[in-house]
Amino acid sequence: MSDLKTAALEYHAQPRPGKLSVELTKPTQTARDLSLAYSPGVAEPVREIARDPELAYRYTGKSNLVAVISDGTAILGLGNLGPLASKPVMEGKGVLFKRFAGVDVFDIEVDAESPQAFIDTVKRISVTFGGINLEDIKAPECFEIERALIEQCNIPVFHDDQHGTAIVTAAGMLNALEIAGKSLPTARIACLGAGAAAISCMRLLVSLGARVENIHMIDRQGVIHAGRDDLNQYKAVFAHETDKRTLADALDGADVFVGLSGANLLSAENLLRMAPNPIVFACSNPDPEISPELAHATRGDVIMATGRSDYPNQVNNVLGFPFIFRGALDVRATRINEEMKIAAAHALRELAKLPVPKAVCEAYGVSGLEFGREYIIPKPMDPRLITVVSDAVARAAIESGVASLPYPRHYPLQSVEEVFNS
């Protein structure tokens, strides 16, 4: 661990502090170049944008610029450490946007005294950007912050801790259920955790066909049920009549366990309570709710996913947010709606079923990858993601009426149909 600490600090400090920089996109070698870049030439796009604000997408970097914004109240698994401490994470998010989808990012850390102050700040600066990625904001405030900004901004606003996790989880879950010979509408689901990611995961699964009455969500007080009077409006959606009160109760005969809580909270004894071919998504990082070693030793029929890169079936948000924003930006979507999230989940699900290119296998040091119990989710280094997921999101935006541009003919790779049929 000390070696990792030293390496991580050195990585962030050398050869220059931080992980992002601003680059020039136009020539600046001559006096004429500078006169076009600034005075007097810059006056011309200023006048054009004043005449038609949509021209900001033509004459500035707005069309490919996303703000990654946090108040630092829920940084990774570290908690509320404040906005300045969140800056390395927000810069890291910018690295992933640029590396995987060519999206430019400004990271913005907001020292806000209240959720409303945060909303007001982000709304005022939103005109600068083509999209907003919210990050590391605690629940339940994150729900209201995102809802308000979606209403007040005419660009996509997306809280990745909620929806990115939900989309990747849903994709893997649909494939795991298929392999296990089960279906989402009939699956009995135990969800340990009731924060932003857990609630959004269950919401998306419901949108895809799961039934609320088959979901038992567990928070620190036990199973969320209709008899409790301590539930906020977001948890209350999953309250229904049940006699189950504990995690053990919820796991009795359950088909699915989703953990978005903490380390080592799923015991071998409780895993044994689950139905045949149990599906376990133990997503707590860095230590899952149950280690894959213990899970497989306990149940030979378990289908297992974690949030870690050193085990099969990693639930990794980088499979989603860069490509979701890429598709949304390319058709100038005004929001990222449920249809676009569902399209992204299905695109990821189907990509996992295709033959995996040799280069992807080599990147992960394996001889091959094939759809099955240990490969239900695509790998982040798969170059087809930017085509398959971005294409699906762009088409869903158009079909659902939130796109401002037609389908982007400039996509560098094949369409999603061509990839799936090749």
Protein backbone atom coordinates (compact mmCIF):
# COMPACT_ATOMS: atom_id res chain seq x y z
CA MET A 1 0.00 0.00 0.00
CA SER A 2 2.88 2.37 0.78
CA ASP A 3 4.28 1.71 -2.71
CA LEU A 4 0.92 2.62 -4.23
CA LYS A 5 0.74 5.80 -2.15
CA THR A 6 4.22 6.86 -3.22
CA ALA A 7 3.56 6.07 -6.88
CA ALA A 8 0.18 7.86 -6.87
CA LEU A 9 1.55 11.01 -5.26
CA GLU A 10 4.54 11.04 -7.61
CA TYR A 11 2.20 10.54 -10.61
CA HIS A 12 0.13 13.55 -9.61
CA ALA A 13 3.10 15.80 -8.80
CA GLN A 14 5.59 15.12 -11.61
CA PRO A 15 6.70 16.30 -14.11
CA ARG A 16 4.13 19.06 -13.52
CA PRO A 17 1.33 19.11 -10.94
CA GLY A 18 -2.11 17.80 -11.94
CA LYS A 19 -3.38 15.70 -14.83
CA LEU A 20 -4.96 18.22 -17.24
CA SER A 21 -3.80 21.19 -19.28
CA VAL A 22 -5.28 23.57 -21.87
CA GLU A 23 -4.12 23.17 -25.45
CA LEU A 24 -4.30 25.53 -28.40
CA THR A 25 -6.42 24.45 -31.36
CA LYS A 26 -5.48 27.25 -33.78
CA PRO A 27 -2.15 28.55 -35.14
CA THR A 28 -0.56 31.40 -33.18
CA GLN A 29 2.75 31.84 -35.01
CA THR A 30 2.16 35.21 -36.68
CA ALA A 31 0.82 38.63 -35.86
CA ARG A 32 -2.14 37.89 -38.12
CA ASP A 33 -2.87 34.71 -36.19
CA LEU A 34 -3.02 36.69 -32.97
CA SER A 35 -5.20 39.37 -34.52
CA LEU A 36 -7.68 36.65 -35.53
CA ALA A 37 -7.50 34.90 -32.17
CA TYR A 38 -8.04 38.09 -30.20
CA SER A 39 -8.45 41.75 -31.08
CA PRO A 40 -9.66 42.83 -33.57
CA GLY A 41 -10.73 39.55 -35.22
CA VAL A 42 -12.48 38.06 -32.19
CA ALA A 43 -15.14 40.75 -32.48
CA GLU A 44 -16.65 38.98 -35.49
CA PRO A 45 -17.71 35.75 -33.71
CA VAL A 46 -18.81 37.87 -30.74
CA ARG A 47 -21.24 39.73 -32.99
CA GLU A 48 -22.44 36.51 -34.59
CA ILE A 49 -23.10 34.83 -31.23
CA ALA A 50 -24.89 37.93 -29.94
CA ARG A 51 -27.10 37.73 -33.02
CA ASP A 52 -27.68 33.96 -32.68
CA PRO A 53 -26.57 32.20 -29.47
CA GLU A 54 -26.57 28.82 -31.21
CA LEU A 55 -23.53 29.97 -33.16
CA ALA A 56 -21.47 29.57 -29.98
CA TYR A 57 -21.38 25.89 -30.95
CA ARG A 58 -19.73 26.85 -34.27
CA TYR A 59 -17.27 29.50 -33.15
CA THR A 60 -16.20 28.30 -29.67
CA GLY A 61 -15.31 25.04 -27.94
CA LYS A 62 -18.74 24.78 -26.29
CA SER A 63 -19.87 21.85 -28.45
CA ASN A 64 -17.17 19.53 -27.10
CA LEU A 65 -16.75 20.92 -23.59
CA VAL A 66 -18.09 19.27 -20.43
CA ALA A 67 -17.90 20.63 -16.90
CA VAL A 68 -17.05 18.03 -14.26
CA ILE A 69 -18.42 19.60 -11.08
CA SER A 70 -18.39 18.57 -7.42
CA ASP A 71 -18.91 20.00 -3.94
CA GLY A 72 -16.72 17.29 -2.43
CA THR A 73 -19.39 15.94 -0.09
CA ALA A 74 -19.03 12.28 -1.16
CA ILE A 75 -15.54 11.75 -2.58
CA LEU A 76 -15.13 8.16 -3.76
CA GLY A 77 -15.34 6.06 -0.59
CA LEU A 78 -13.65 8.77 1.48
CA GLY A 79 -16.70 10.85 2.42
CA ASN A 80 -17.15 14.60 2.84
CA LEU A 81 -13.64 16.03 2.53
CA GLY A 82 -14.60 19.27 0.83
CA PRO A 83 -14.41 20.66 -2.70
CA LEU A 84 -10.65 21.25 -2.87
CA ALA A 85 -9.88 17.65 -1.89
CA SER A 86 -12.16 16.49 -4.71
CA LYS A 87 -10.02 18.21 -7.38
CA PRO A 88 -7.75 15.20 -8.11
CA VAL A 89 -10.86 13.08 -8.73
CA MET A 90 -12.44 15.69 -11.00
CA GLU A 91 -9.19 16.03 -12.95
CA GLY A 92 -9.12 12.24 -13.21
CA LYS A 93 -12.62 12.26 -14.62
CA GLY A 94 -11.40 14.75 -17.21
CA VAL A 95 -8.59 12.38 -18.16
CA LEU A 96 -11.10 9.60 -18.81
CA PHE A 97 -13.40 11.85 -20.85
CA LYS A 98 -10.51 12.91 -23.07
CA ARG A 99 -8.79 9.51 -23.27
CA PHE A 100 -11.84 7.48 -24.19
CA ALA A 101 -14.13 9.87 -26.06
CA GLY A 102 -12.12 12.95 -27.04
CA VAL A 103 -14.29 15.19 -24.85
CA ASP A 104 -12.68 18.33 -23.39
CA VAL A 105 -13.23 19.03 -19.70
CA PHE A 106 -12.96 21.85 -17.21
CA ASP A 107 -13.04 20.53 -13.67
CA ILE A 108 -14.89 22.85 -11.28
CA GLU A 109 -14.98 22.48 -7.51
CA VAL A 110 -17.71 24.51 -5.82
CA ASP A 111 -17.51 25.64 -2.19
CA ALA A 112 -21.25 26.02 -1.65
CA GLU A 113 -22.93 26.64 1.70
CA SER A 114 -26.12 24.85 0.64
CA PRO A 115 -27.52 22.71 -2.20
CA GLN A 116 -29.37 25.77 -3.49
CA ALA A 117 -26.14 27.79 -3.60
CA PHE A 118 -24.54 24.95 -5.56
CA ILE A 119 -27.48 24.88 -7.98
CA ASP A 120 -27.35 28.65 -8.47
CA THR A 121 -23.60 28.60 -9.11
CA VAL A 122 -23.74 25.80 -11.66
CA LYS A 123 -26.75 27.31 -13.42
CA ARG A 124 -24.94 30.64 -13.83
CA ILE A 125 -21.86 29.08 -15.43
CA SER A 126 -23.71 26.47 -17.50
CA VAL A 127 -23.77 28.72 -20.58
CA THR A 128 -20.04 27.98 -20.99
CA PHE A 129 -20.51 24.26 -21.57
CA GLY A 130 -22.05 21.69 -23.86
CA GLY A 131 -22.78 19.37 -20.93
CA ILE A 132 -22.42 19.00 -17.15
CA ASN A 133 -21.18 15.89 -15.33
CA LEU A 134 -21.98 16.07 -11.61
CA GLU A 135 -19.73 14.03 -9.36
CA ASP A 136 -19.20 13.01 -5.74
CA ILE A 137 -22.22 14.79 -4.26
CA LYS A 138 -23.84 13.15 -1.25
CA ALA A 139 -27.38 11.74 -1.16
CA PRO A 140 -30.13 12.77 -0.88
CA GLU A 141 -29.02 16.28 -1.90
CA CYS A 142 -27.65 14.97 -5.20
CA PHE A 143 -31.14 14.02 -6.38
CA GLU A 144 -32.54 17.50 -5.90
CA ILE A 145 -29.43 19.17 -7.31
CA GLU A 146 -29.59 17.11 -10.49
CA ARG A 147 -33.36 17.53 -10.87
CA ALA A 148 -33.15 21.31 -10.50
CA LEU A 149 -30.24 21.68 -12.93
CA ILE A 150 -31.92 19.48 -15.54
CA GLU A 151 -34.95 21.76 -15.34
CA GLN A 152 -32.96 25.00 -15.43
CA CYS A 153 -30.27 24.17 -18.02
CA ASN A 154 -30.74 23.47 -21.72
CA ILE A 155 -27.71 21.18 -21.91
CA PRO A 156 -27.28 17.59 -20.65
CA VAL A 157 -26.83 17.31 -16.87
CA PHE A 158 -25.77 13.87 -15.66
CA HIS A 159 -24.84 12.70 -12.15
CA ASP A 160 -22.49 9.87 -12.99
CA ASP A 161 -22.38 8.37 -9.50
CA GLN A 162 -26.06 7.64 -9.98
CA HIS A 163 -26.62 6.90 -13.61
CA GLY A 164 -23.23 5.66 -14.80
CA THR A 165 -23.22 2.96 -12.16
CA ALA A 166 -26.84 2.13 -12.92
CA ILE A 167 -26.28 1.79 -16.68
CA VAL A 168 -23.25 -0.50 -16.40
CA THR A 169 -24.91 -2.53 -13.63
CA ALA A 170 -28.06 -2.96 -15.72
CA ALA A 171 -26.09 -4.13 -18.76
CA GLY A 172 -24.21 -6.74 -16.76
CA MET A 173 -27.34 -7.74 -14.85
CA LEU A 174 -29.34 -8.46 -18.01
CA ASN A 175 -26.55 -10.66 -19.31
CA ALA A 176 -26.11 -12.45 -15.97
CA LEU A 177 -29.84 -13.17 -15.78
CA GLU A 178 -29.77 -14.54 -19.32
CA ILE A 179 -26.87 -16.86 -18.48
CA ALA A 180 -28.62 -17.97 -15.27
CA GLY A 181 -31.82 -18.73 -17.18
CA LYS A 182 -33.78 -16.04 -15.34
CA SER A 183 -35.64 -12.87 -16.28
CA LEU A 184 -35.69 -9.37 -14.84
CA PRO A 185 -39.49 -9.19 -14.32
CA THR A 186 -39.46 -12.30 -12.12
CA ALA A 187 -36.06 -11.86 -10.44
CA ARG A 188 -36.04 -11.31 -6.68
CA ILE A 189 -33.47 -8.64 -5.88
CA ALA A 190 -31.78 -7.69 -2.60
CA CYS A 191 -30.02 -4.32 -2.75
CA LEU A 192 -27.68 -3.54 0.14
CA GLY A 193 -27.31 0.24 0.24
CA ALA A 194 -29.77 3.04 -0.34
CA GLY A 195 -27.62 5.93 -1.49
CA ALA A 196 -27.47 7.67 -4.85
CA ALA A 197 -25.99 4.76 -6.81
CA ALA A 198 -28.24 2.12 -5.24
CA ILE A 199 -31.46 4.06 -5.77
CA SER A 200 -30.55 4.89 -9.36
CA CYS A 201 -29.58 1.28 -10.09
CA MET A 202 -32.93 0.04 -8.86
CA ARG A 203 -34.80 2.80 -10.73
CA LEU A 204 -33.16 1.82 -14.01
CA LEU A 205 -33.80 -1.87 -13.43
CA VAL A 206 -37.46 -1.02 -12.89
CA SER A 207 -37.44 0.95 -16.17
CA LEU A 208 -36.07 -2.19 -17.83
CA GLY A 209 -38.76 -4.46 -16.40
CA ALA A 210 -37.97 -5.30 -12.76
CA ARG A 211 -40.89 -5.11 -10.34
CA VAL A 212 -40.72 -2.93 -7.25
CA GLU A 213 -42.43 -5.61 -5.19
CA ASN A 214 -39.55 -7.99 -6.04
CA ILE A 215 -36.91 -5.52 -4.80
CA HIS A 216 -35.86 -5.39 -1.16
CA MET A 217 -33.59 -2.44 -0.44
CA ILE A 218 -31.65 -2.46 2.81
CA ASP A 219 -30.26 0.63 4.55
CA ARG A 220 -28.62 1.00 7.97
CA GLN A 221 -31.98 0.42 9.68
CA GLY A 222 -32.76 -2.76 7.76
CA VAL A 223 -35.19 -3.54 4.96
CA ILE A 224 -37.07 -0.57 3.56
CA HIS A 225 -40.76 -1.44 3.96
CA ALA A 226 -44.16 0.24 3.98
CA GLY A 227 -44.34 0.34 7.78
CA ARG A 228 -41.33 2.64 8.23
CA ASP A 229 -41.83 6.34 8.92
CA ASP A 230 -38.18 7.41 8.55
CA LEU A 231 -37.87 7.25 4.75
CA ASN A 232 -37.10 10.15 2.43
CA GLN A 233 -39.04 10.42 -0.81
CA TYR A 234 -36.36 8.58 -2.79
CA LYS A 235 -36.22 5.53 -0.52
CA ALA A 236 -40.01 5.51 -0.11
CA VAL A 237 -40.41 4.55 -3.78
CA PHE A 238 -39.06 1.10 -2.87
CA ALA A 239 -41.13 0.62 0.28
CA HIS A 240 -43.79 -2.08 0.02
CA GLU A 241 -45.61 -4.52 2.28
CA THR A 242 -43.23 -7.28 3.39
CA ASP A 243 -42.36 -9.18 6.51
CA LYS A 244 -38.64 -9.12 5.67
CA ARG A 245 -36.60 -6.97 8.05
CA THR A 246 -32.94 -7.98 7.70
CA LEU A 247 -30.41 -8.65 4.96
CA ALA A 248 -30.67 -12.35 5.75
CA ASP A 249 -34.44 -12.19 5.27
CA ALA A 250 -34.06 -10.37 1.97
CA LEU A 251 -31.53 -12.90 0.68
CA ASP A 252 -33.69 -15.93 1.47
CA GLY A 253 -34.45 -17.28 -2.02
CA ALA A 254 -33.19 -14.11 -3.75
CA ASP A 255 -31.91 -14.36 -7.31
CA VAL A 256 -29.80 -11.20 -7.22
CA PHE A 257 -27.67 -9.36 -4.68
CA VAL A 258 -26.53 -5.82 -5.51
CA GLY A 259 -24.09 -4.32 -3.04
CA LEU A 260 -23.39 -0.58 -3.04
CA SER A 261 -22.55 -0.28 0.62
CA GLY A 262 -19.32 -1.41 2.28
CA ALA A 263 -16.69 -4.11 2.59
CA ASN A 264 -17.41 -7.66 3.74
CA LEU A 265 -21.10 -7.16 4.52
CA LEU A 266 -22.27 -10.27 2.63
CA SER A 267 -21.35 -13.41 4.56
CA ALA A 268 -20.93 -16.89 3.15
CA GLU A 269 -23.88 -17.97 5.28
CA ASN A 270 -26.14 -15.37 3.69
CA LEU A 271 -24.89 -16.19 0.19
CA LEU A 272 -26.03 -19.77 0.81
CA ARG A 273 -29.57 -18.49 1.38
CA MET A 274 -29.88 -17.34 -2.22
CA ALA A 275 -31.60 -19.22 -5.04
CA PRO A 276 -29.71 -21.47 -7.49
CA ASN A 277 -27.39 -19.63 -9.89
CA PRO A 278 -27.24 -16.53 -7.67
CA ILE A 279 -26.06 -13.27 -9.20
CA VAL A 280 -23.83 -11.17 -6.94
CA PHE A 281 -22.80 -7.63 -7.86
CA ALA A 282 -20.53 -6.66 -4.95
CA CYS A 283 -19.55 -3.16 -6.03
CA SER A 284 -18.06 -1.60 -2.91
CA ASN A 285 -14.53 -0.30 -3.56
CA PRO A 286 -11.77 -1.06 -2.90
CA ASP A 287 -13.08 -4.03 -0.94
CA PRO A 288 -16.33 -5.65 -2.14
CA GLU A 289 -19.20 -6.82 0.06
CA ILE A 290 -17.84 -10.35 -0.40
CA SER A 291 -14.56 -11.35 -1.97
CA PRO A 292 -14.82 -13.32 -5.21
CA GLU A 293 -12.62 -16.00 -3.67
CA LEU A 294 -15.06 -16.53 -0.79
CA ALA A 295 -18.11 -16.29 -3.03
CA HIS A 296 -16.85 -18.94 -5.47
CA ALA A 297 -15.68 -21.18 -2.65
CA THR A 298 -19.14 -20.93 -1.09
CA ARG A 299 -21.24 -21.32 -4.24
CA GLY A 300 -19.93 -22.97 -7.38
CA ASP A 301 -22.95 -21.63 -9.28
CA VAL A 302 -22.49 -17.93 -8.44
CA ILE A 303 -22.18 -15.30 -11.19
CA MET A 304 -19.99 -12.59 -9.69
CA ALA A 305 -19.21 -8.96 -10.52
CA THR A 306 -17.27 -6.36 -8.55
CA GLY A 307 -16.05 -2.80 -8.93
CA ARG A 308 -12.43 -3.94 -9.15
CA SER A 309 -10.28 -4.23 -12.25
CA ASP A 310 -8.34 -7.26 -10.99
CA TYR A 311 -11.37 -9.58 -11.13
CA PRO A 312 -13.66 -10.54 -14.04
CA ASN A 313 -16.84 -8.55 -14.64
CA GLN A 314 -15.80 -5.12 -13.42
CA VAL A 315 -18.68 -2.65 -13.02
CA ASN A 316 -16.75 0.38 -14.26
CA ASN A 317 -18.41 3.73 -14.98
CA VAL A 318 -15.85 4.47 -17.68
CA LEU A 319 -17.85 2.07 -19.86
CA GLY A 320 -20.63 4.63 -19.80
CA PHE A 321 -20.13 8.32 -19.19
CA PRO A 322 -17.52 9.20 -21.88
CA PHE A 323 -19.54 7.56 -24.62
CA ILE A 324 -22.92 8.72 -23.32
CA PHE A 325 -21.74 12.33 -23.40
CA ARG A 326 -20.09 11.75 -26.79
CA GLY A 327 -23.42 10.65 -28.26
CA ALA A 328 -25.34 13.43 -26.52
CA LEU A 329 -22.91 16.14 -27.64
CA ASP A 330 -22.83 14.89 -31.22
CA VAL A 331 -26.57 15.45 -31.66
CA ARG A 332 -26.57 18.48 -29.32
CA ALA A 333 -29.05 16.87 -26.95
CA THR A 334 -30.73 19.14 -24.42
CA ARG A 335 -30.71 16.40 -21.79
CA ILE A 336 -29.79 12.78 -21.12
CA ASN A 337 -33.14 11.10 -20.62
CA GLU A 338 -34.28 7.62 -19.61
CA GLU A 339 -34.45 6.46 -23.21
CA MET A 340 -30.79 7.34 -23.71
CA LYS A 341 -29.74 5.55 -20.52
CA ILE A 342 -31.67 2.43 -21.52
CA ALA A 343 -30.12 2.55 -25.00
CA ALA A 344 -26.64 2.73 -23.46
CA ALA A 345 -27.37 -0.26 -21.21
CA HIS A 346 -28.62 -2.38 -24.11
CA ALA A 347 -25.64 -1.37 -26.27
CA LEU A 348 -23.21 -2.48 -23.55
CA ARG A 349 -25.17 -5.68 -23.05
CA GLU A 350 -25.02 -6.59 -26.72
CA LEU A 351 -21.36 -5.63 -27.12
CA ALA A 352 -20.41 -8.21 -24.47
CA LYS A 353 -21.88 -10.93 -26.69
CA LEU A 354 -19.70 -10.12 -29.71
CA PRO A 355 -16.31 -11.75 -30.40
CA VAL A 356 -13.64 -9.78 -28.55
CA PRO A 357 -10.80 -8.35 -30.68
CA LYS A 358 -7.36 -9.84 -30.08
CA ALA A 359 -5.94 -6.45 -29.14
CA VAL A 360 -8.43 -6.13 -26.26
CA CYS A 361 -7.49 -9.56 -24.92
CA GLU A 362 -3.80 -8.67 -25.15
CA ALA A 363 -4.42 -5.42 -23.26
CA TYR A 364 -5.74 -7.49 -20.35
CA GLY A 365 -3.14 -10.25 -20.58
CA VAL A 366 -5.56 -13.04 -21.48
CA SER A 367 -5.64 -15.41 -24.44
CA GLY A 368 -9.33 -14.83 -25.07
CA LEU A 369 -12.61 -13.48 -23.75
CA GLU A 370 -15.98 -15.03 -24.48
CA PHE A 371 -19.50 -14.20 -23.34
CA GLY A 372 -20.24 -16.24 -20.24
CA ARG A 373 -20.10 -16.22 -16.45
CA GLU A 374 -16.74 -14.46 -16.34
CA TYR A 375 -17.41 -12.03 -19.17
CA ILE A 376 -20.81 -10.34 -18.90
CA ILE A 377 -19.61 -6.73 -19.25
CA PRO A 378 -17.30 -5.30 -21.96
CA LYS A 379 -13.78 -4.21 -21.08
CA PRO A 380 -13.03 -0.45 -20.89
CA MET A 381 -10.18 -0.75 -23.43
CA ASP A 382 -12.54 -2.08 -26.13
CA PRO A 383 -12.28 0.48 -28.98
CA ARG A 384 -15.79 -0.38 -30.20
CA LEU A 385 -17.39 1.36 -27.21
CA ILE A 386 -17.19 4.80 -28.77
CA THR A 387 -19.14 3.55 -31.77
CA VAL A 388 -21.61 1.21 -30.13
CA VAL A 389 -22.59 3.21 -27.04
CA SER A 390 -22.31 6.70 -28.55
CA ASP A 391 -24.30 5.61 -31.58
CA ALA A 392 -27.07 4.10 -29.44
CA VAL A 393 -27.28 7.21 -27.25
CA ALA A 394 -27.33 9.58 -30.24
CA ARG A 395 -30.09 7.61 -31.94
CA ALA A 396 -32.14 7.44 -28.73
CA ALA A 397 -31.81 11.21 -28.29
CA ILE A 398 -33.11 11.75 -31.81
CA GLU A 399 -35.97 9.27 -31.44
CA SER A 400 -37.04 10.69 -28.07
CA GLY A 401 -37.05 14.26 -29.35
CA VAL A 402 -34.26 15.82 -27.27
CA ALA A 403 -31.69 16.15 -30.09
CA SER A 404 -31.05 19.44 -31.87
CA LEU A 405 -28.98 17.97 -34.71
CA PRO A 406 -29.50 15.02 -37.05
CA TYR A 407 -27.55 11.79 -36.74
CA PRO A 408 -23.80 12.62 -36.99
CA ARG A 409 -22.51 11.35 -40.30
CA HIS A 410 -18.96 12.10 -39.17
CA TYR A 411 -18.74 9.17 -36.73
CA PRO A 412 -15.27 7.74 -37.36
CA LEU A 413 -16.29 4.10 -37.02
CA GLN A 414 -19.12 1.83 -38.08
CA SER A 415 -22.71 2.30 -37.03
CA VAL A 416 -23.97 0.14 -34.18
CA GLU A 417 -25.89 -2.06 -36.61
CA GLU A 418 -22.78 -2.63 -38.73
CA VAL A 419 -20.76 -3.60 -35.67
CA PHE A 420 -23.40 -6.04 -34.45
CA ASN A 421 -23.85 -7.57 -37.89
CA SER A 422 -20.16 -7.80 -38.83
